[in-house]
Structures are given as C-alpha cells and as structure tokens.
C-alpha cells in the first residue's frame, strides 16, 4: 500500500532490526499501518512527506539521536502535536517529562507498546 494512501500510520524509529520488526509486527497485528526506519534522519524525512498518527522512537539512534528527533518535531508547529512513545534502554533520568511524557523501558513487551500507542491516540483530538 503506498504511503500516500494511508490516512494514519505509525512510524517506528529503531536501529535494532529485530526490535524494529517486532514492534512493526505487533502494531500491524493491532490494525495499524506501520513504517519502520533505523535512524533519526530517515524518520524526519518521512515525517516531512506524511505526518504519522504517532511515532515509536528509540533514543540511541545513528546519524541523529532520538532526543534530537523529538526536539526537531516539537519545534515545528506542523509536527509538534504528534504523540511520541520513547522505547529505550538508555538512561532517561535527564529527560524532561513534559518534553518526553511517554517512555517505555527496554525490554518492553509488544503488548505494552500497542497499549501505549493506543493510549496516546485516544488523547488526540479527532
């Protein structure tokens, strides 16, 4: 299905291919259209072309890390309201909870990820 035909999709940004595939499979099984990329630069390029309903974002990414991706998204009015679910194994104690409100620690179950995405989407205006 071409990306431009999707009204809403979930963008998974994870450099570990096995985890990216696991998250993509779980979200697709829950009925979501999903695109997966391995770094922050590709994530921002995709978001420029088609706004996702939500983003699943690792922090430890090559080329542009997740913290910088989140800051770029929040700085742009067109992308500032996209819910971001951070899924990371890195230390998050330095993160501002208002900037990063949705954090799951690795390892996380596919079910927990789907629940987190669904909760974020329910909070969004229709």
N, C-alpha and C. Protein backbone atom coordinates (compact mmCIF):
# COMPACT_ATOMS: atom_id res chain seq x y z
N UNK A 1 0.86 -1.19 0.00
CA UNK A 1 0.00 0.00 0.00
C UNK A 1 0.89 1.24 0.00
N UNK A 2 0.74 2.14 -0.95
CA UNK A 2 1.58 3.34 -0.97
C UNK A 2 1.30 4.22 0.24
N UNK A 3 2.35 4.84 0.74
CA UNK A 3 2.25 5.67 1.93
C UNK A 3 1.21 6.77 1.78
N UNK A 4 1.11 7.38 0.59
CA UNK A 4 0.19 8.50 0.44
C UNK A 4 -1.28 8.08 0.49
N UNK A 5 -1.55 6.77 0.49
CA UNK A 5 -2.93 6.33 0.59
C UNK A 5 -3.33 6.05 2.05
N UNK A 6 -2.39 6.15 2.95
CA UNK A 6 -2.69 5.91 4.36
C UNK A 6 -3.12 7.21 5.01
N UNK A 7 -4.28 7.18 5.66
CA UNK A 7 -4.71 8.37 6.39
C UNK A 7 -3.88 8.54 7.66
N UNK A 8 -3.63 7.43 8.31
CA UNK A 8 -2.87 7.46 9.57
C UNK A 8 -1.96 6.24 9.61
N UNK A 9 -0.75 6.48 10.05
CA UNK A 9 0.17 5.37 10.21
C UNK A 9 1.06 5.62 11.42
N UNK A 10 1.73 4.57 11.87
CA UNK A 10 2.65 4.65 12.98
C UNK A 10 4.06 4.54 12.41
N UNK A 11 4.94 5.44 12.81
CA UNK A 11 6.33 5.42 12.39
C UNK A 11 7.15 4.82 13.53
N UNK A 12 7.87 3.75 13.25
CA UNK A 12 8.75 3.10 14.23
C UNK A 12 10.19 3.46 13.87
N UNK A 13 10.89 4.10 14.80
CA UNK A 13 12.27 4.52 14.58
C UNK A 13 13.14 3.75 15.58
N UNK A 14 13.79 2.71 15.07
CA UNK A 14 14.57 1.79 15.92
C UNK A 14 15.73 1.26 15.09
N UNK A 15 16.96 1.40 15.61
CA UNK A 15 18.12 0.94 14.84
C UNK A 15 18.36 -0.56 14.94
N UNK A 16 17.80 -1.21 15.93
CA UNK A 16 17.92 -2.67 16.06
C UNK A 16 16.86 -3.31 15.16
N UNK A 17 17.30 -4.00 14.11
CA UNK A 17 16.35 -4.52 13.12
C UNK A 17 15.40 -5.55 13.72
N UNK A 18 15.86 -6.37 14.65
CA UNK A 18 14.97 -7.37 15.26
C UNK A 18 13.87 -6.70 16.07
N UNK A 19 14.22 -5.66 16.84
CA UNK A 19 13.20 -4.94 17.61
C UNK A 19 12.27 -4.16 16.68
N UNK A 20 12.84 -3.54 15.65
CA UNK A 20 12.01 -2.80 14.69
C UNK A 20 10.98 -3.73 14.06
N UNK A 21 11.40 -4.93 13.68
CA UNK A 21 10.47 -5.91 13.10
C UNK A 21 9.43 -6.37 14.11
N UNK A 22 9.85 -6.57 15.36
CA UNK A 22 8.92 -6.99 16.42
C UNK A 22 7.85 -5.92 16.65
N UNK A 23 8.28 -4.67 16.78
CA UNK A 23 7.33 -3.57 17.00
C UNK A 23 6.39 -3.42 15.80
N UNK A 24 6.95 -3.50 14.62
CA UNK A 24 6.15 -3.37 13.40
C UNK A 24 5.10 -4.48 13.32
N UNK A 25 5.51 -5.71 13.62
CA UNK A 25 4.59 -6.85 13.58
C UNK A 25 3.48 -6.69 14.61
N UNK A 26 3.82 -6.28 15.82
CA UNK A 26 2.82 -6.12 16.88
C UNK A 26 1.81 -5.02 16.52
N UNK A 27 2.30 -3.92 16.00
CA UNK A 27 1.40 -2.82 15.66
C UNK A 27 0.52 -3.16 14.45
N UNK A 28 1.09 -3.86 13.48
CA UNK A 28 0.27 -4.30 12.34
C UNK A 28 -0.81 -5.28 12.78
N UNK A 29 -0.46 -6.18 13.69
CA UNK A 29 -1.44 -7.14 14.20
C UNK A 29 -2.57 -6.42 14.93
N UNK A 30 -2.28 -5.24 15.49
CA UNK A 30 -3.29 -4.44 16.17
C UNK A 30 -4.08 -3.57 15.20
N UNK A 31 -3.77 -3.67 13.91
CA UNK A 31 -4.54 -2.96 12.91
C UNK A 31 -3.94 -1.66 12.39
N UNK A 32 -2.71 -1.38 12.75
CA UNK A 32 -2.09 -0.14 12.31
C UNK A 32 -1.26 -0.35 11.04
N UNK A 33 -1.20 0.66 10.22
CA UNK A 33 -0.24 0.71 9.12
C UNK A 33 1.06 1.20 9.74
N UNK A 34 2.16 0.56 9.39
CA UNK A 34 3.43 0.86 10.07
C UNK A 34 4.55 0.98 9.05
N UNK A 35 5.41 1.96 9.28
CA UNK A 35 6.67 2.10 8.54
C UNK A 35 7.77 2.08 9.59
N UNK A 36 8.85 1.38 9.30
CA UNK A 36 9.99 1.33 10.21
C UNK A 36 11.23 1.88 9.55
N UNK A 37 11.99 2.69 10.28
CA UNK A 37 13.28 3.21 9.82
C UNK A 37 14.30 3.04 10.93
N UNK A 38 15.58 3.13 10.55
CA UNK A 38 16.62 2.83 11.53
C UNK A 38 17.34 4.04 12.10
N UNK A 39 17.06 5.24 11.62
CA UNK A 39 17.75 6.39 12.19
C UNK A 39 16.88 7.65 12.15
N UNK A 40 17.33 8.66 12.88
CA UNK A 40 16.57 9.88 13.02
C UNK A 40 16.46 10.72 11.76
N UNK A 41 17.48 10.69 10.91
CA UNK A 41 17.44 11.45 9.67
C UNK A 41 16.32 10.92 8.77
N UNK A 42 16.27 9.59 8.61
CA UNK A 42 15.21 8.99 7.79
C UNK A 42 13.84 9.24 8.40
N UNK A 43 13.76 9.24 9.72
CA UNK A 43 12.47 9.50 10.39
C UNK A 43 11.96 10.89 10.05
N UNK A 44 12.82 11.89 10.16
CA UNK A 44 12.39 13.26 9.87
C UNK A 44 12.03 13.44 8.39
N UNK A 45 12.73 12.75 7.51
CA UNK A 45 12.37 12.81 6.08
C UNK A 45 10.97 12.25 5.84
N UNK A 46 10.68 11.11 6.47
CA UNK A 46 9.35 10.52 6.31
C UNK A 46 8.26 11.43 6.87
N UNK A 47 8.51 12.00 8.03
CA UNK A 47 7.52 12.88 8.66
C UNK A 47 7.27 14.10 7.78
N UNK A 48 8.30 14.58 7.09
CA UNK A 48 8.11 15.71 6.18
C UNK A 48 7.17 15.37 5.03
N UNK A 49 7.15 14.11 4.62
CA UNK A 49 6.32 13.69 3.49
C UNK A 49 4.90 13.31 3.89
N UNK A 50 4.72 12.72 5.07
CA UNK A 50 3.41 12.26 5.52
C UNK A 50 3.41 12.22 7.04
N UNK A 51 2.54 12.98 7.68
CA UNK A 51 2.51 13.01 9.14
C UNK A 51 1.96 11.70 9.69
N UNK A 52 2.70 11.06 10.58
CA UNK A 52 2.19 9.84 11.21
C UNK A 52 1.20 10.18 12.32
N UNK A 53 0.38 9.19 12.68
CA UNK A 53 -0.53 9.36 13.82
C UNK A 53 0.26 9.37 15.12
N UNK A 54 1.36 8.59 15.16
CA UNK A 54 2.22 8.51 16.34
C UNK A 54 3.58 8.01 15.89
N UNK A 55 4.57 8.24 16.75
CA UNK A 55 5.94 7.79 16.48
C UNK A 55 6.43 6.98 17.67
N UNK A 56 6.98 5.80 17.38
CA UNK A 56 7.68 4.99 18.37
C UNK A 56 9.15 5.28 18.14
N UNK A 57 9.84 5.79 19.16
CA UNK A 57 11.17 6.37 18.97
C UNK A 57 12.17 5.83 19.97
N UNK A 58 13.23 5.22 19.46
CA UNK A 58 14.38 4.86 20.28
C UNK A 58 15.21 6.13 20.49
N UNK A 59 15.94 6.21 21.59
CA UNK A 59 16.78 7.39 21.81
C UNK A 59 18.17 7.20 21.21
N UNK A 60 18.74 5.99 21.32
CA UNK A 60 20.09 5.74 20.84
C UNK A 60 20.09 5.36 19.37
N UNK A 61 20.08 6.36 18.51
CA UNK A 61 19.99 6.14 17.06
C UNK A 61 21.25 6.65 16.36
N UNK A 62 21.59 6.04 15.21
CA UNK A 62 22.69 6.59 14.43
C UNK A 62 22.26 7.85 13.68
N UNK A 63 23.22 8.63 13.26
CA UNK A 63 23.09 9.86 12.48
C UNK A 63 22.39 11.00 13.22
N UNK A 64 21.25 10.76 13.83
CA UNK A 64 20.55 11.78 14.61
C UNK A 64 19.80 11.05 15.71
N UNK A 65 20.19 11.32 16.96
CA UNK A 65 19.59 10.52 18.04
C UNK A 65 18.15 10.94 18.34
N UNK A 66 17.48 10.09 19.13
CA UNK A 66 16.06 10.29 19.42
C UNK A 66 15.75 11.59 20.14
N UNK A 67 16.66 12.02 21.01
CA UNK A 67 16.43 13.29 21.71
C UNK A 67 16.35 14.44 20.70
N UNK A 68 17.26 14.43 19.74
CA UNK A 68 17.26 15.48 18.72
C UNK A 68 16.04 15.38 17.79
N UNK A 69 15.64 14.17 17.47
CA UNK A 69 14.43 13.98 16.66
C UNK A 69 13.23 14.58 17.37
N UNK A 70 13.09 14.26 18.65
CA UNK A 70 11.96 14.78 19.43
C UNK A 70 11.98 16.30 19.48
N UNK A 71 13.14 16.88 19.68
CA UNK A 71 13.24 18.34 19.74
C UNK A 71 12.90 18.98 18.40
N UNK A 72 13.35 18.37 17.30
CA UNK A 72 13.00 18.88 15.95
C UNK A 72 11.49 18.82 15.74
N UNK A 73 10.88 17.72 16.14
CA UNK A 73 9.43 17.58 15.98
C UNK A 73 8.69 18.63 16.78
N UNK A 74 9.08 18.85 18.02
CA UNK A 74 8.38 19.80 18.89
C UNK A 74 8.60 21.24 18.46
N UNK A 75 9.70 21.52 17.76
CA UNK A 75 10.00 22.89 17.31
C UNK A 75 9.19 23.29 16.09
N UNK A 76 8.61 22.33 15.40
CA UNK A 76 7.86 22.61 14.17
C UNK A 76 6.36 22.52 14.47
N UNK A 77 5.60 23.60 14.27
CA UNK A 77 4.16 23.56 14.55
C UNK A 77 3.42 22.46 13.80
N UNK A 78 3.91 22.08 12.63
CA UNK A 78 3.24 21.03 11.84
C UNK A 78 3.39 19.65 12.46
N UNK A 79 4.43 19.46 13.27
CA UNK A 79 4.69 18.13 13.85
C UNK A 79 4.67 18.11 15.38
N UNK A 80 4.50 19.26 15.99
CA UNK A 80 4.61 19.37 17.44
C UNK A 80 3.60 18.53 18.21
N UNK A 81 2.45 18.24 17.61
CA UNK A 81 1.39 17.52 18.33
C UNK A 81 1.40 16.02 18.08
N UNK A 82 2.33 15.53 17.27
CA UNK A 82 2.41 14.08 17.03
C UNK A 82 2.85 13.41 18.32
N UNK A 83 2.07 12.44 18.81
CA UNK A 83 2.50 11.75 20.03
C UNK A 83 3.73 10.88 19.75
N UNK A 84 4.68 10.95 20.68
CA UNK A 84 5.91 10.18 20.57
C UNK A 84 6.00 9.25 21.77
N UNK A 85 6.18 7.97 21.49
CA UNK A 85 6.37 6.97 22.54
C UNK A 85 7.84 6.57 22.47
N UNK A 86 8.60 6.96 23.48
CA UNK A 86 10.01 6.61 23.54
C UNK A 86 10.13 5.20 24.08
N UNK A 87 10.87 4.36 23.36
CA UNK A 87 11.17 3.00 23.81
C UNK A 87 12.69 2.89 23.80
N UNK A 88 13.28 2.82 24.99
CA UNK A 88 14.73 2.91 25.06
C UNK A 88 15.31 2.10 26.20
N UNK A 89 16.55 1.73 26.02
CA UNK A 89 17.31 1.07 27.07
C UNK A 89 18.31 2.02 27.70
N UNK A 90 18.39 3.25 27.19
CA UNK A 90 19.33 4.22 27.73
C UNK A 90 18.72 4.94 28.94
N UNK A 91 19.58 5.58 29.69
CA UNK A 91 19.16 6.32 30.87
C UNK A 91 18.26 7.47 30.47
N UNK A 92 17.13 7.60 31.15
CA UNK A 92 16.18 8.67 30.85
C UNK A 92 16.03 9.65 32.00
N UNK A 93 16.89 9.55 33.01
CA UNK A 93 16.73 10.40 34.19
C UNK A 93 16.93 11.88 33.87
N UNK A 94 17.63 12.20 32.79
CA UNK A 94 17.85 13.59 32.42
C UNK A 94 16.76 14.17 31.52
N UNK A 95 15.77 13.36 31.17
CA UNK A 95 14.72 13.83 30.26
C UNK A 95 13.64 14.61 31.01
N UNK A 96 13.23 15.69 30.41
CA UNK A 96 12.13 16.50 30.94
C UNK A 96 10.82 15.77 30.64
N UNK A 97 10.05 15.42 31.68
CA UNK A 97 8.81 14.67 31.44
C UNK A 97 7.77 15.44 30.63
N UNK A 98 7.85 16.76 30.57
CA UNK A 98 6.92 17.49 29.72
C UNK A 98 7.32 17.38 28.25
N UNK A 99 8.62 17.20 27.99
CA UNK A 99 9.10 17.05 26.62
C UNK A 99 9.01 15.59 26.16
N UNK A 100 9.16 14.65 27.11
CA UNK A 100 9.13 13.22 26.82
C UNK A 100 8.15 12.54 27.78
N UNK A 101 6.84 12.71 27.56
CA UNK A 101 5.86 12.19 28.52
C UNK A 101 5.59 10.68 28.43
N UNK A 102 5.93 10.04 27.31
CA UNK A 102 5.59 8.63 27.11
C UNK A 102 6.86 7.81 26.92
N UNK A 103 7.30 7.17 27.99
CA UNK A 103 8.55 6.41 27.95
C UNK A 103 8.30 4.97 28.37
N UNK A 104 8.75 4.04 27.53
CA UNK A 104 8.77 2.62 27.86
C UNK A 104 10.23 2.19 27.92
N UNK A 105 10.57 1.40 28.93
CA UNK A 105 11.94 0.92 29.08
C UNK A 105 12.10 -0.42 28.38
N UNK A 106 13.21 -0.57 27.67
CA UNK A 106 13.54 -1.86 27.06
C UNK A 106 14.07 -2.77 28.15
N UNK A 107 13.77 -4.03 28.10
CA UNK A 107 12.88 -4.65 27.13
C UNK A 107 11.41 -4.37 27.49
N UNK A 108 10.62 -4.12 26.48
CA UNK A 108 9.19 -3.93 26.68
C UNK A 108 8.46 -4.96 25.82
N UNK A 109 7.31 -5.35 26.27
CA UNK A 109 6.56 -6.35 25.52
C UNK A 109 5.84 -5.69 24.34
N UNK A 110 5.60 -6.43 23.29
CA UNK A 110 4.82 -5.89 22.17
C UNK A 110 3.44 -5.41 22.63
N UNK A 111 2.83 -6.13 23.57
CA UNK A 111 1.51 -5.72 24.07
C UNK A 111 1.58 -4.37 24.77
N UNK A 112 2.63 -4.15 25.57
CA UNK A 112 2.78 -2.86 26.26
C UNK A 112 2.96 -1.73 25.25
N UNK A 113 3.66 -2.00 24.17
CA UNK A 113 3.85 -0.99 23.14
C UNK A 113 2.52 -0.65 22.47
N UNK A 114 1.76 -1.64 22.11
CA UNK A 114 0.46 -1.40 21.46
C UNK A 114 -0.44 -0.61 22.40
N UNK A 115 -0.47 -0.97 23.67
CA UNK A 115 -1.29 -0.25 24.65
C UNK A 115 -0.85 1.21 24.75
N UNK A 116 0.46 1.45 24.79
CA UNK A 116 0.97 2.83 24.88
C UNK A 116 0.57 3.64 23.65
N UNK A 117 0.66 3.06 22.46
CA UNK A 117 0.26 3.75 21.24
C UNK A 117 -1.23 4.06 21.28
N UNK A 118 -2.03 3.07 21.65
CA UNK A 118 -3.48 3.28 21.71
C UNK A 118 -3.86 4.37 22.71
N UNK A 119 -3.20 4.39 23.87
CA UNK A 119 -3.48 5.43 24.86
C UNK A 119 -3.14 6.81 24.33
N UNK A 120 -2.01 6.93 23.63
CA UNK A 120 -1.63 8.23 23.06
C UNK A 120 -2.63 8.69 22.01
N UNK A 121 -3.07 7.76 21.17
CA UNK A 121 -4.01 8.13 20.11
C UNK A 121 -5.38 8.50 20.66
N UNK A 122 -5.78 7.89 21.76
CA UNK A 122 -7.08 8.23 22.37
C UNK A 122 -7.08 9.66 22.90
N UNK A 123 -5.91 10.16 23.28
CA UNK A 123 -5.80 11.52 23.83
C UNK A 123 -5.82 12.58 22.74
N UNK A 124 -5.65 12.16 21.49
CA UNK A 124 -5.59 13.11 20.37
C UNK A 124 -7.01 13.52 19.95
N UNK A 125 -7.18 14.78 19.59
CA UNK A 125 -8.48 15.21 19.08
C UNK A 125 -8.74 14.55 17.73
N UNK A 126 -9.98 14.27 17.45
CA UNK A 126 -10.35 13.60 16.19
C UNK A 126 -10.17 14.50 15.00
